């Protein structure tokens, strides 16, 4: 097994964005046959896979200007509506977790929280070391953002940590479905914009 870091291209490293939200990942080793089957079925997006993520997000965006007007006239009512929206987010997130969190009796899954994530890849701490180029199957769930997805990735970095028991694993995500990639890109953009607002308010 190779633990030497291959590193990521400078541009890709700059594109990575450290998130404060919990982005949970379940993962395991995968085979080329699994990836080929996933690619061949990649465009078959079922309606129920889109409903929670797409429709609720669409409604929230339609309500945003209305909520802004309400906030100006009645801050208390606006705060109440925002709390209700957070409850909807929580329920939608639980459904996303349920959709991707099922028992796999043939292939044991490991779980972790991502350290960095972008539309092109992610990194996480793992108790398992990987060879560069290894394929992994992973399921992602972003708490509070109505977002859950599954895909395959390729290991591009595996660095042993100081504790001698874990590895920092970097994974490219070249097989993300188009809908998932768009949702992930939008999520990252929203978080970047949120951080910029917080910095400007300081």
Foldseek 3Di string as FASTA:
>chain_A
DDQAALDDPPVVVVQKDFDPFWKKKKKFFDDPVVQVVCLVCLVVDDPVNCCQQPVLVVVVVVCVVVLVVCCVVPVVVSVVVVVVNLVSLQVLLVVLCVVPDDDDPPTDIDMFTWRIDHLFWTKTKAQDFDDFQTKMKMWIGTRSNSDIDIAMWTWNHWHQDPVNRITITITTTPTGRPVNSVSRNVVVVVRVVVVVVVVVVD
